[in-house]
PDB file of N, CA and C in Angstrom:
ATOM      1  N   MET A   1      83.631  91.187  81.138  1.00  0.00           N
ATOM      2  CA  MET A   1      84.212  90.258  82.092  1.00  0.00           C
ATOM      3  C   MET A   1      83.093  89.368  82.651  1.00  0.00           C
ATOM      4  N   SER A   2      83.275  88.071  82.579  1.00  0.00           N
ATOM      5  CA  SER A   2      82.222  87.160  82.940  1.00  0.00           C
ATOM      6  C   SER A   2      82.022  87.027  84.466  1.00  0.00           C
ATOM      7  N   GLU A   3      83.048  87.131  85.219  1.00  0.00           N
ATOM      8  CA  GLU A   3      82.890  87.038  86.669  1.00  0.00           C
ATOM      9  C   GLU A   3      82.916  88.460  87.271  1.00  0.00           C
ATOM     10  N   PRO A   4      82.213  88.610  88.399  1.00  0.00           N
ATOM     11  CA  PRO A   4      82.234  89.960  89.031  1.00  0.00           C
ATOM     12  C   PRO A   4      83.649  90.399  89.336  1.00  0.00           C
ATOM     13  N   LYS A   5      83.897  91.699  89.329  1.00  0.00           N
ATOM     14  CA  LYS A   5      85.222  92.242  89.506  1.00  0.00           C
ATOM     15  C   LYS A   5      85.879  91.815  90.816  1.00  0.00           C
ATOM     16  N   THR A   6      85.084  91.802  91.889  1.00  0.00           N
ATOM     17  CA  THR A   6      85.664  91.394  93.183  1.00  0.00           C
ATOM     18  C   THR A   6      86.132  89.949  93.140  1.00  0.00           C
ATOM     19  N   ALA A   7      85.323  89.061  92.565  1.00  0.00           N
ATOM     20  CA  ALA A   7      85.690  87.643  92.434  1.00  0.00           C
ATOM     21  C   ALA A   7      86.922  87.483  91.558  1.00  0.00           C
ATOM     22  N   HIS A   8      86.974  88.224  90.465  1.00  0.00           N
ATOM     23  CA  HIS A   8      88.127  88.162  89.579  1.00  0.00           C
ATOM     24  C   HIS A   8      89.401  88.626  90.307  1.00  0.00           C
ATOM     25  N   LEU A   9      89.294  89.729  90.994  1.00  0.00           N
ATOM     26  CA  LEU A   9      90.450  90.245  91.763  1.00  0.00           C
ATOM     27  C   LEU A   9      90.869  89.234  92.820  1.00  0.00           C
ATOM     28  N   SER A  10      89.901  88.656  93.500  1.00  0.00           N
ATOM     29  CA  SER A  10      90.181  87.668  94.520  1.00  0.00           C
ATOM     30  C   SER A  10      90.916  86.446  93.942  1.00  0.00           C
ATOM     31  N   ARG A  11      90.512  86.000  92.779  1.00  0.00           N
ATOM     32  CA  ARG A  11      91.154  84.849  92.145  1.00  0.00           C
ATOM     33  C   ARG A  11      92.586  85.229  91.746  1.00  0.00           C
ATOM     34  N   LEU A  12      92.793  86.427  91.153  1.00  0.00           N
ATOM     35  CA  LEU A  12      94.130  86.895  90.805  1.00  0.00           C
ATOM     36  C   LEU A  12      95.003  87.026  92.031  1.00  0.00           C
ATOM     37  N   TRP A  13      94.439  87.509  93.147  1.00  0.00           N
ATOM     38  CA  TRP A  13      95.171  87.699  94.392  1.00  0.00           C
ATOM     39  C   TRP A  13      95.633  86.310  94.918  1.00  0.00           C
ATOM     40  N   ASP A  14      94.738  85.333  94.884  1.00  0.00           N
ATOM     41  CA  ASP A  14      95.119  84.008  95.369  1.00  0.00           C
ATOM     42  C   ASP A  14      96.260  83.427  94.522  1.00  0.00           C
ATOM     43  N   GLU A  15      96.206  83.621  93.223  1.00  0.00           N
ATOM     44  CA  GLU A  15      97.274  83.168  92.359  1.00  0.00           C
ATOM     45  C   GLU A  15      98.592  83.884  92.728  1.00  0.00           C
ATOM     46  N   PHE A  16      98.493  85.198  92.888  1.00  0.00           N
ATOM     47  CA  PHE A  16      99.679  86.033  93.162  1.00  0.00           C
ATOM     48  C   PHE A  16     100.355  85.649  94.461  1.00  0.00           C
ATOM     49  N   ARG A  17      99.547  85.354  95.499  1.00  0.00           N
ATOM     50  CA  ARG A  17     100.099  84.997  96.792  1.00  0.00           C
ATOM     51  C   ARG A  17     100.977  83.772  96.731  1.00  0.00           C
ATOM     52  N   GLY A  18     100.782  82.919  95.739  1.00  0.00           N
ATOM     53  CA  GLY A  18     101.607  81.735  95.600  1.00  0.00           C
ATOM     54  C   GLY A  18     102.879  81.952  94.739  1.00  0.00           C
ATOM     55  N   MET A  19     103.031  83.169  94.242  1.00  0.00           N
ATOM     56  CA  MET A  19     104.166  83.483  93.398  1.00  0.00           C
ATOM     57  C   MET A  19     105.311  84.050  94.236  1.00  0.00           C
ATOM     58  N   PRO A  20     106.460  83.443  94.229  1.00  0.00           N
ATOM     59  CA  PRO A  20     107.581  84.034  94.970  1.00  0.00           C
ATOM     60  C   PRO A  20     108.056  85.347  94.296  1.00  0.00           C
ATOM     61  N   PHE A  21     108.555  86.271  95.079  1.00  0.00           N
ATOM     62  CA  PHE A  21     109.127  87.503  94.570  1.00  0.00           C
ATOM     63  C   PHE A  21     110.262  87.132  93.627  1.00  0.00           C
ATOM     64  N   PRO A  22     110.354  87.763  92.489  1.00  0.00           N
ATOM     65  CA  PRO A  22     111.409  87.409  91.516  1.00  0.00           C
ATOM     66  C   PRO A  22     112.812  87.536  92.044  1.00  0.00           C
ATOM     67  N   ARG A  23     113.594  86.528  91.746  1.00  0.00           N
ATOM     68  CA  ARG A  23     114.996  86.481  92.166  1.00  0.00           C
ATOM     69  C   ARG A  23     115.715  87.696  91.599  1.00  0.00           C
ATOM     70  N   ASP A  24     116.525  88.324  92.385  1.00  0.00           N
ATOM     71  CA  ASP A  24     117.368  89.467  92.005  1.00  0.00           C
ATOM     72  C   ASP A  24     116.615  90.763  91.800  1.00  0.00           C
ATOM     73  N   PHE A  25     115.309  90.782  91.959  1.00  0.00           N
ATOM     74  CA  PHE A  25     114.600  92.052  91.796  1.00  0.00           C
ATOM     75  C   PHE A  25     114.697  92.929  93.027  1.00  0.00           C
ATOM     76  N   HIS A  26     115.167  92.375  94.133  1.00  0.00           N
ATOM     77  CA  HIS A  26     115.412  93.238  95.298  1.00  0.00           C
ATOM     78  C   HIS A  26     116.569  94.207  95.032  1.00  0.00           C
ATOM     79  N   LEU A  27     117.378  93.928  94.004  1.00  0.00           N
ATOM     80  CA  LEU A  27     118.489  94.762  93.639  1.00  0.00           C
ATOM     81  C   LEU A  27     118.161  95.720  92.462  1.00  0.00           C
ATOM     82  N   ARG A  28     117.044  95.508  91.796  1.00  0.00           N
ATOM     83  CA  ARG A  28     116.766  96.296  90.585  1.00  0.00           C
ATOM     84  C   ARG A  28     115.905  97.511  90.911  1.00  0.00           C
ATOM     85  N   GLU A  29     116.262  98.606  90.253  1.00  0.00           N
ATOM     86  CA  GLU A  29     115.506  99.859  90.351  1.00  0.00           C
ATOM     87  C   GLU A  29     115.378 100.461  88.977  1.00  0.00           C
ATOM     88  N   PRO A  30     114.569  99.830  88.088  1.00  0.00           N
ATOM     89  CA  PRO A  30     114.437 100.377  86.724  1.00  0.00           C
ATOM     90  C   PRO A  30     113.845 101.798  86.789  1.00  0.00           C
ATOM     91  N   GLU A  31     114.479 102.691  86.080  1.00  0.00           N
ATOM     92  CA  GLU A  31     114.065 104.103  86.054  1.00  0.00           C
ATOM     93  C   GLU A  31     113.897 104.683  87.455  1.00  0.00           C
ATOM     94  N   GLY A  32     114.721 104.195  88.387  1.00  0.00           N
ATOM     95  CA  GLY A  32     114.709 104.694  89.754  1.00  0.00           C
ATOM     96  C   GLY A  32     113.590 104.185  90.644  1.00  0.00           C
ATOM     97  N   VAL A  33     112.851 103.172  90.112  1.00  0.00           N
ATOM     98  CA  VAL A  33     111.719 102.641  90.893  1.00  0.00           C
ATOM     99  C   VAL A  33     112.192 101.430  91.696  1.00  0.00           C
ATOM    100  N   CYS A  34     112.045 101.520  93.008  1.00  0.00           N
ATOM    101  CA  CYS A  34     112.365 100.367  93.879  1.00  0.00           C
ATOM    102  C   CYS A  34     111.278  99.318  93.762  1.00  0.00           C
ATOM    103  N   MET A  35     111.629  98.193  93.190  1.00  0.00           N
ATOM    104  CA  MET A  35     110.641  97.130  92.901  1.00  0.00           C
ATOM    105  C   MET A  35     110.106  96.488  94.184  1.00  0.00           C
ATOM    106  N   VAL A  36     110.910  96.428  95.222  1.00  0.00           N
ATOM    107  CA  VAL A  36     110.462  95.880  96.479  1.00  0.00           C
ATOM    108  C   VAL A  36     109.385  96.764  97.111  1.00  0.00           C
ATOM    109  N   SER A  37     109.637  98.056  97.173  1.00  0.00           N
ATOM    110  CA  SER A  37     108.650  98.990  97.737  1.00  0.00           C
ATOM    111  C   SER A  37     107.388  99.039  96.887  1.00  0.00           C
ATOM    112  N   LEU A  38     107.557  99.048  95.567  1.00  0.00           N
ATOM    113  CA  LEU A  38     106.398  99.073  94.677  1.00  0.00           C
ATOM    114  C   LEU A  38     105.518  97.833  94.911  1.00  0.00           C
ATOM    115  N   ASP A  39     106.159  96.648  95.026  1.00  0.00           N
ATOM    116  CA  ASP A  39     105.452  95.405  95.287  1.00  0.00           C
ATOM    117  C   ASP A  39     104.712  95.506  96.631  1.00  0.00           C
ATOM    118  N   THR A  40     105.424  95.914  97.668  1.00  0.00           N
ATOM    119  CA  THR A  40     104.841  95.956  99.000  1.00  0.00           C
ATOM    120  C   THR A  40     103.639  96.880  99.076  1.00  0.00           C
ATOM    121  N   TYR A  41     103.799  98.111  98.592  1.00  0.00           N
ATOM    122  CA  TYR A  41     102.698  99.093  98.667  1.00  0.00           C
ATOM    123  C   TYR A  41     101.515  98.676  97.798  1.00  0.00           C
ATOM    124  N   LEU A  42     101.782  98.238  96.570  1.00  0.00           N
ATOM    125  CA  LEU A  42     100.687  97.839  95.701  1.00  0.00           C
ATOM    126  C   LEU A  42      99.930  96.636  96.290  1.00  0.00           C
ATOM    127  N   ALA A  43     100.653  95.672  96.754  1.00  0.00           N
ATOM    128  CA  ALA A  43     100.013  94.475  97.346  1.00  0.00           C
ATOM    129  C   ALA A  43      99.157  94.871  98.537  1.00  0.00           C
ATOM    130  N   GLY A  44      99.616  95.787  99.361  1.00  0.00           N
ATOM    131  CA  GLY A  44      98.814  96.265 100.507  1.00  0.00           C
ATOM    132  C   GLY A  44      97.543  96.936 100.047  1.00  0.00           C
ATOM    133  N   CYS A  45      97.640  97.799  99.067  1.00  0.00           N
ATOM    134  CA  CYS A  45      96.477  98.507  98.545  1.00  0.00           C
ATOM    135  C   CYS A  45      95.478  97.527  97.933  1.00  0.00           C
ATOM    136  N   ILE A  46      95.967  96.552  97.218  1.00  0.00           N
ATOM    137  CA  ILE A  46      95.104  95.550  96.567  1.00  0.00           C
ATOM    138  C   ILE A  46      94.402  94.729  97.625  1.00  0.00           C
ATOM    139  N   SER A  47      95.104  94.342  98.651  1.00  0.00           N
ATOM    140  CA  SER A  47      94.564  93.550  99.735  1.00  0.00           C
ATOM    141  C   SER A  47      93.389  94.331 100.404  1.00  0.00           C
ATOM    142  N   VAL A  48      93.584  95.592 100.652  1.00  0.00           N
ATOM    143  CA  VAL A  48      92.554  96.416 101.272  1.00  0.00           C
ATOM    144  C   VAL A  48      91.351  96.580 100.311  1.00  0.00           C
ATOM    145  N   ALA A  49      91.629  96.758  99.043  1.00  0.00           N
ATOM    146  CA  ALA A  49      90.580  96.964  98.054  1.00  0.00           C
ATOM    147  C   ALA A  49      89.689  95.729  97.946  1.00  0.00           C
ATOM    148  N   LEU A  50      90.209  94.569  98.265  1.00  0.00           N
ATOM    149  CA  LEU A  50      89.395  93.354  98.217  1.00  0.00           C
ATOM    150  C   LEU A  50      88.293  93.381  99.297  1.00  0.00           C
ATOM    151  N   ASP A  51      88.528  94.077 100.394  1.00  0.00           N
ATOM    152  CA  ASP A  51      87.574  94.115 101.478  1.00  0.00           C
ATOM    153  C   ASP A  51      86.666  95.310 101.517  1.00  0.00           C
ATOM    154  N   GLY A  52      86.982  96.326 100.739  1.00  0.00           N
ATOM    155  CA  GLY A  52      86.119  97.488 100.732  1.00  0.00           C
ATOM    156  C   GLY A  52      86.811  98.696 100.089  1.00  0.00           C
ATOM    157  N   PRO A  53      86.203  99.842 100.202  1.00  0.00           N
ATOM    158  CA  PRO A  53      86.791 101.034  99.551  1.00  0.00           C
ATOM    159  C   PRO A  53      88.105 101.416 100.183  1.00  0.00           C
ATOM    160  N   LEU A  54      88.954 102.038  99.378  1.00  0.00           N
ATOM    161  CA  LEU A  54      90.230 102.544  99.868  1.00  0.00           C
ATOM    162  C   LEU A  54      90.073 103.926 100.480  1.00  0.00           C
ATOM    163  N   ASP A  55      90.910 104.210 101.455  1.00  0.00           N
ATOM    164  CA  ASP A  55      90.942 105.598 101.961  1.00  0.00           C
ATOM    165  C   ASP A  55      91.707 106.457 100.955  1.00  0.00           C
ATOM    166  N   ASP A  56      91.682 107.736 101.150  1.00  0.00           N
ATOM    167  CA  ASP A  56      92.302 108.622 100.177  1.00  0.00           C
ATOM    168  C   ASP A  56      93.782 108.356  99.973  1.00  0.00           C
ATOM    169  N   TRP A  57      94.510 108.110 101.085  1.00  0.00           N
ATOM    170  CA  TRP A  57      95.982 107.847 100.987  1.00  0.00           C
ATOM    171  C   TRP A  57      96.253 106.633 100.141  1.00  0.00           C
ATOM    172  N   ARG A  58      95.545 105.495 100.418  1.00  0.00           N
ATOM    173  CA  ARG A  58      95.783 104.273  99.656  1.00  0.00           C
ATOM    174  C   ARG A  58      95.361 104.445  98.205  1.00  0.00           C
ATOM    175  N   ARG A  59      94.288 105.151  97.950  1.00  0.00           N
ATOM    176  CA  ARG A  59      93.839 105.400  96.576  1.00  0.00           C
ATOM    177  C   ARG A  59      94.914 106.131  95.784  1.00  0.00           C
ATOM    178  N   GLU A  60      95.519 107.164  96.403  1.00  0.00           N
ATOM    179  CA  GLU A  60      96.579 107.911  95.739  1.00  0.00           C
ATOM    180  C   GLU A  60      97.798 107.044  95.507  1.00  0.00           C
ATOM    181  N   VAL A  61      98.171 106.245  96.480  1.00  0.00           N
ATOM    182  CA  VAL A  61      99.328 105.344  96.341  1.00  0.00           C
ATOM    183  C   VAL A  61      99.045 104.338  95.228  1.00  0.00           C
ATOM    184  N   LEU A  62      97.856 103.729  95.233  1.00  0.00           N
ATOM    185  CA  LEU A  62      97.505 102.750  94.230  1.00  0.00           C
ATOM    186  C   LEU A  62      97.609 103.351  92.816  1.00  0.00           C
ATOM    187  N   LEU A  63      97.029 104.517  92.625  1.00  0.00           N
ATOM    188  CA  LEU A  63      97.043 105.122  91.302  1.00  0.00           C
ATOM    189  C   LEU A  63      98.455 105.521  90.848  1.00  0.00           C
ATOM    190  N   ARG A  64      99.210 106.113  91.769  1.00  0.00           N
ATOM    191  CA  ARG A  64     100.566 106.572  91.463  1.00  0.00           C
ATOM    192  C   ARG A  64     101.517 105.388  91.131  1.00  0.00           C
ATOM    193  N   LEU A  65     101.447 104.353  91.962  1.00  0.00           N
ATOM    194  CA  LEU A  65     102.347 103.229  91.765  1.00  0.00           C
ATOM    195  C   LEU A  65     101.942 102.366  90.604  1.00  0.00           C
ATOM    196  N   THR A  66     100.648 102.263  90.367  1.00  0.00           N
ATOM    197  CA  THR A  66     100.187 101.520  89.160  1.00  0.00           C
ATOM    198  C   THR A  66     100.718 102.180  87.910  1.00  0.00           C
ATOM    199  N   ALA A  67     100.678 103.488  87.877  1.00  0.00           N
ATOM    200  CA  ALA A  67     101.253 104.206  86.726  1.00  0.00           C
ATOM    201  C   ALA A  67     102.760 103.995  86.622  1.00  0.00           C
ATOM    202  N   SER A  68     103.456 104.039  87.755  1.00  0.00           N
ATOM    203  CA  SER A  68     104.913 103.791  87.729  1.00  0.00           C
ATOM    204  C   SER A  68     105.210 102.410  87.239  1.00  0.00           C
ATOM    205  N   LEU A  69     104.481 101.417  87.693  1.00  0.00           N
ATOM    206  CA  LEU A  69     104.711 100.053  87.266  1.00  0.00           C
ATOM    207  C   LEU A  69     104.461  99.913  85.746  1.00  0.00           C
ATOM    208  N   GLY A  70     103.408 100.531  85.278  1.00  0.00           N
ATOM    209  CA  GLY A  70     103.102 100.495  83.838  1.00  0.00           C
ATOM    210  C   GLY A  70     104.232 101.038  83.002  1.00  0.00           C
ATOM    211  N   LYS A  71     104.908 102.078  83.517  1.00  0.00           N
ATOM    212  CA  LYS A  71     106.026 102.678  82.783  1.00  0.00           C
ATOM    213  C   LYS A  71     107.275 101.787  82.772  1.00  0.00           C
ATOM    214  N   VAL A  72     107.526 101.048  83.842  1.00  0.00           N
ATOM    215  CA  VAL A  72     108.742 100.201  83.884  1.00  0.00           C
ATOM    216  C   VAL A  72     108.562  98.836  83.377  1.00  0.00           C
ATOM    217  N   LEU A  73     107.324  98.331  83.207  1.00  0.00           N
ATOM    218  CA  LEU A  73     107.101  96.970  82.727  1.00  0.00           C
ATOM    219  C   LEU A  73     107.888  96.670  81.445  1.00  0.00           C
ATOM    220  N   PRO A  74     107.913  97.534  80.448  1.00  0.00           N
ATOM    221  CA  PRO A  74     108.659  97.190  79.236  1.00  0.00           C
ATOM    222  C   PRO A  74     110.161  96.954  79.462  1.00  0.00           C
ATOM    223  N   SER A  75     110.735  97.514  80.504  1.00  0.00           N
ATOM    224  CA  SER A  75     112.157  97.318  80.774  1.00  0.00           C
ATOM    225  C   SER A  75     112.449  96.047  81.510  1.00  0.00           C
ATOM    226  N   LEU A  76     111.445  95.267  81.828  1.00  0.00           N
ATOM    227  CA  LEU A  76     111.621  94.034  82.610  1.00  0.00           C
ATOM    228  C   LEU A  76     111.710  92.805  81.703  1.00  0.00           C
ATOM    229  N   GLY A  77     111.668  93.029  80.362  1.00  0.00           N
ATOM    230  CA  GLY A  77     111.591  91.935  79.412  1.00  0.00           C
ATOM    231  C   GLY A  77     112.809  90.999  79.443  1.00  0.00           C
ATOM    232  N   ASP A  78     113.911  91.393  80.080  1.00  0.00           N
ATOM    233  CA  ASP A  78     115.059  90.527  80.118  1.00  0.00           C
ATOM    234  C   ASP A  78     114.920  89.394  81.148  1.00  0.00           C
ATOM    235  N   ASP A  79     113.866  89.417  81.930  1.00  0.00           N
ATOM    236  CA  ASP A  79     113.604  88.408  82.959  1.00  0.00           C
ATOM    237  C   ASP A  79     112.158  87.943  82.796  1.00  0.00           C
ATOM    238  N   ALA A  80     111.956  86.783  82.176  1.00  0.00           N
ATOM    239  CA  ALA A  80     110.621  86.285  81.906  1.00  0.00           C
ATOM    240  C   ALA A  80     109.752  86.171  83.124  1.00  0.00           C
ATOM    241  N   TYR A  81     110.314  85.578  84.207  1.00  0.00           N
ATOM    242  CA  TYR A  81     109.482  85.413  85.396  1.00  0.00           C
ATOM    243  C   TYR A  81     109.206  86.767  86.062  1.00  0.00           C
ATOM    244  N   GLY A  82     110.185  87.639  86.114  1.00  0.00           N
ATOM    245  CA  GLY A  82     109.992  88.974  86.701  1.00  0.00           C
ATOM    246  C   GLY A  82     108.916  89.730  85.920  1.00  0.00           C
ATOM    247  N   LEU A  83     108.944  89.635  84.611  1.00  0.00           N
ATOM    248  CA  LEU A  83     107.916  90.277  83.819  1.00  0.00           C
ATOM    249  C   LEU A  83     106.537  89.683  84.080  1.00  0.00           C
ATOM    250  N   GLU A  84     106.454  88.374  84.219  1.00  0.00           N
ATOM    251  CA  GLU A  84     105.198  87.706  84.523  1.00  0.00           C
ATOM    252  C   GLU A  84     104.657  88.175  85.881  1.00  0.00           C
ATOM    253  N   TYR A  85     105.513  88.174  86.865  1.00  0.00           N
ATOM    254  CA  TYR A  85     105.177  88.547  88.219  1.00  0.00           C
ATOM    255  C   TYR A  85     104.639  89.991  88.286  1.00  0.00           C
ATOM    256  N   PHE A  86     105.398  90.918  87.701  1.00  0.00           N
ATOM    257  CA  PHE A  86     105.004  92.323  87.758  1.00  0.00           C
ATOM    258  C   PHE A  86     103.837  92.639  86.809  1.00  0.00           C
ATOM    259  N   THR A  87     103.672  91.889  85.750  1.00  0.00           N
ATOM    260  CA  THR A  87     102.496  92.068  84.893  1.00  0.00           C
ATOM    261  C   THR A  87     101.245  91.647  85.670  1.00  0.00           C
ATOM    262  N   HIS A  88     101.341  90.521  86.385  1.00  0.00           N
ATOM    263  CA  HIS A  88     100.272  90.066  87.233  1.00  0.00           C
ATOM    264  C   HIS A  88      99.906  91.134  88.293  1.00  0.00           C
ATOM    265  N   LEU A  89     100.904  91.664  88.928  1.00  0.00           N
ATOM    266  CA  LEU A  89     100.712  92.720  89.943  1.00  0.00           C
ATOM    267  C   LEU A  89     100.010  93.927  89.292  1.00  0.00           C
ATOM    268  N   HIS A  90     100.482  94.317  88.119  1.00  0.00           N
ATOM    269  CA  HIS A  90      99.909  95.456  87.414  1.00  0.00           C
ATOM    270  C   HIS A  90      98.449  95.212  87.073  1.00  0.00           C
ATOM    271  N   GLU A  91      98.141  94.029  86.568  1.00  0.00           N
ATOM    272  CA  GLU A  91      96.757  93.689  86.252  1.00  0.00           C
ATOM    273  C   GLU A  91      95.843  93.806  87.496  1.00  0.00           C
ATOM    274  N   MET A  92      96.327  93.259  88.591  1.00  0.00           N
ATOM    275  CA  MET A  92      95.562  93.352  89.847  1.00  0.00           C
ATOM    276  C   MET A  92      95.399  94.804  90.300  1.00  0.00           C
ATOM    277  N   ALA A  93      96.433  95.593  90.179  1.00  0.00           N
ATOM    278  CA  ALA A  93      96.376  97.007  90.575  1.00  0.00           C
ATOM    279  C   ALA A  93      95.352  97.785  89.770  1.00  0.00           C
ATOM    280  N   LEU A  94      95.378  97.522  88.458  1.00  0.00           N
ATOM    281  CA  LEU A  94      94.374  98.169  87.583  1.00  0.00           C
ATOM    282  C   LEU A  94      92.971  97.781  87.949  1.00  0.00           C
ATOM    283  N   LEU A  95      92.742  96.495  88.186  1.00  0.00           N
ATOM    284  CA  LEU A  95      91.438  96.021  88.564  1.00  0.00           C
ATOM    285  C   LEU A  95      91.015  96.555  89.952  1.00  0.00           C
ATOM    286  N   ALA A  96      91.946  96.630  90.882  1.00  0.00           N
ATOM    287  CA  ALA A  96      91.616  97.171  92.213  1.00  0.00           C
ATOM    288  C   ALA A  96      91.202  98.648  92.090  1.00  0.00           C
ATOM    289  N   ALA A  97      91.897  99.425  91.254  1.00  0.00           N
ATOM    290  CA  ALA A  97      91.555 100.824  91.062  1.00  0.00           C
ATOM    291  C   ALA A  97      90.176 100.945  90.402  1.00  0.00           C
ATOM    292  N   GLU A  98      89.902 100.096  89.449  1.00  0.00           N
ATOM    293  CA  GLU A  98      88.613 100.096  88.778  1.00  0.00           C
ATOM    294  C   GLU A  98      87.492  99.739  89.781  1.00  0.00           C
ATOM    295  N   LEU A  99      87.729  98.724  90.568  1.00  0.00           N
ATOM    296  CA  LEU A  99      86.751  98.299  91.581  1.00  0.00           C
ATOM    297  C   LEU A  99      86.512  99.400  92.601  1.00  0.00           C
ATOM    298  N   ASP A 100      87.581 100.030  93.043  1.00  0.00           N
ATOM    299  CA  ASP A 100      87.461 101.118  94.032  1.00  0.00           C
ATOM    300  C   ASP A 100      86.693 102.307  93.424  1.00  0.00           C
ATOM    301  N   ALA A 101      86.972 102.620  92.197  1.00  0.00           N
ATOM    302  CA  ALA A 101      86.277 103.736  91.564  1.00  0.00           C
ATOM    303  C   ALA A 101      84.770 103.431  91.416  1.00  0.00           C
ATOM    304  N   ALA A 102      84.448 102.156  91.071  1.00  0.00           N
ATOM    305  CA  ALA A 102      83.055 101.794  90.938  1.00  0.00           C
ATOM    306  C   ALA A 102      82.313 101.893  92.297  1.00  0.00           C
ATOM    307  N   ARG A 103      83.024 101.580  93.373  1.00  0.00           N
ATOM    308  CA  ARG A 103      82.375 101.678  94.691  1.00  0.00           C
ATOM    309  C   ARG A 103      82.071 103.134  95.060  1.00  0.00           C
ATOM    310  N   GLY A 104      82.862 104.051  94.511  1.00  0.00           N
ATOM    311  CA  GLY A 104      82.671 105.452  94.826  1.00  0.00           C
ATOM    312  C   GLY A 104      81.560 106.151  93.999  1.00  0.00           C
ATOM    313  N   GLU A 105      81.063 105.422  93.017  1.00  0.00           N
ATOM    314  CA  GLU A 105      80.031 106.038  92.180  1.00  0.00           C
ATOM    315  C   GLU A 105      78.659 105.915  92.777  1.00  0.00           C
TER     316      GLU A 105
END
């Protein structure tokens, strides 16, 4: 990666903040996953990770929900924008977890 992880995550975060939540995803729960809650909790964890290390609770939430999102992403292919939005969120969550782990080393 050519840019430092924090700068890369910050750039992705700025892009994401301009993306509206996908239409009709407030009603979707693929594989029982509430996409609104997943979005809210992951975005909160990512936001905190931009400023410093995560506490244990946020770290566990970030890891658990990142895995959940990774599992449901393939089922979102029927909505191009929804897939783009949640793929972007997943990329940020993976990067936030990587950044947080590096801070703990």
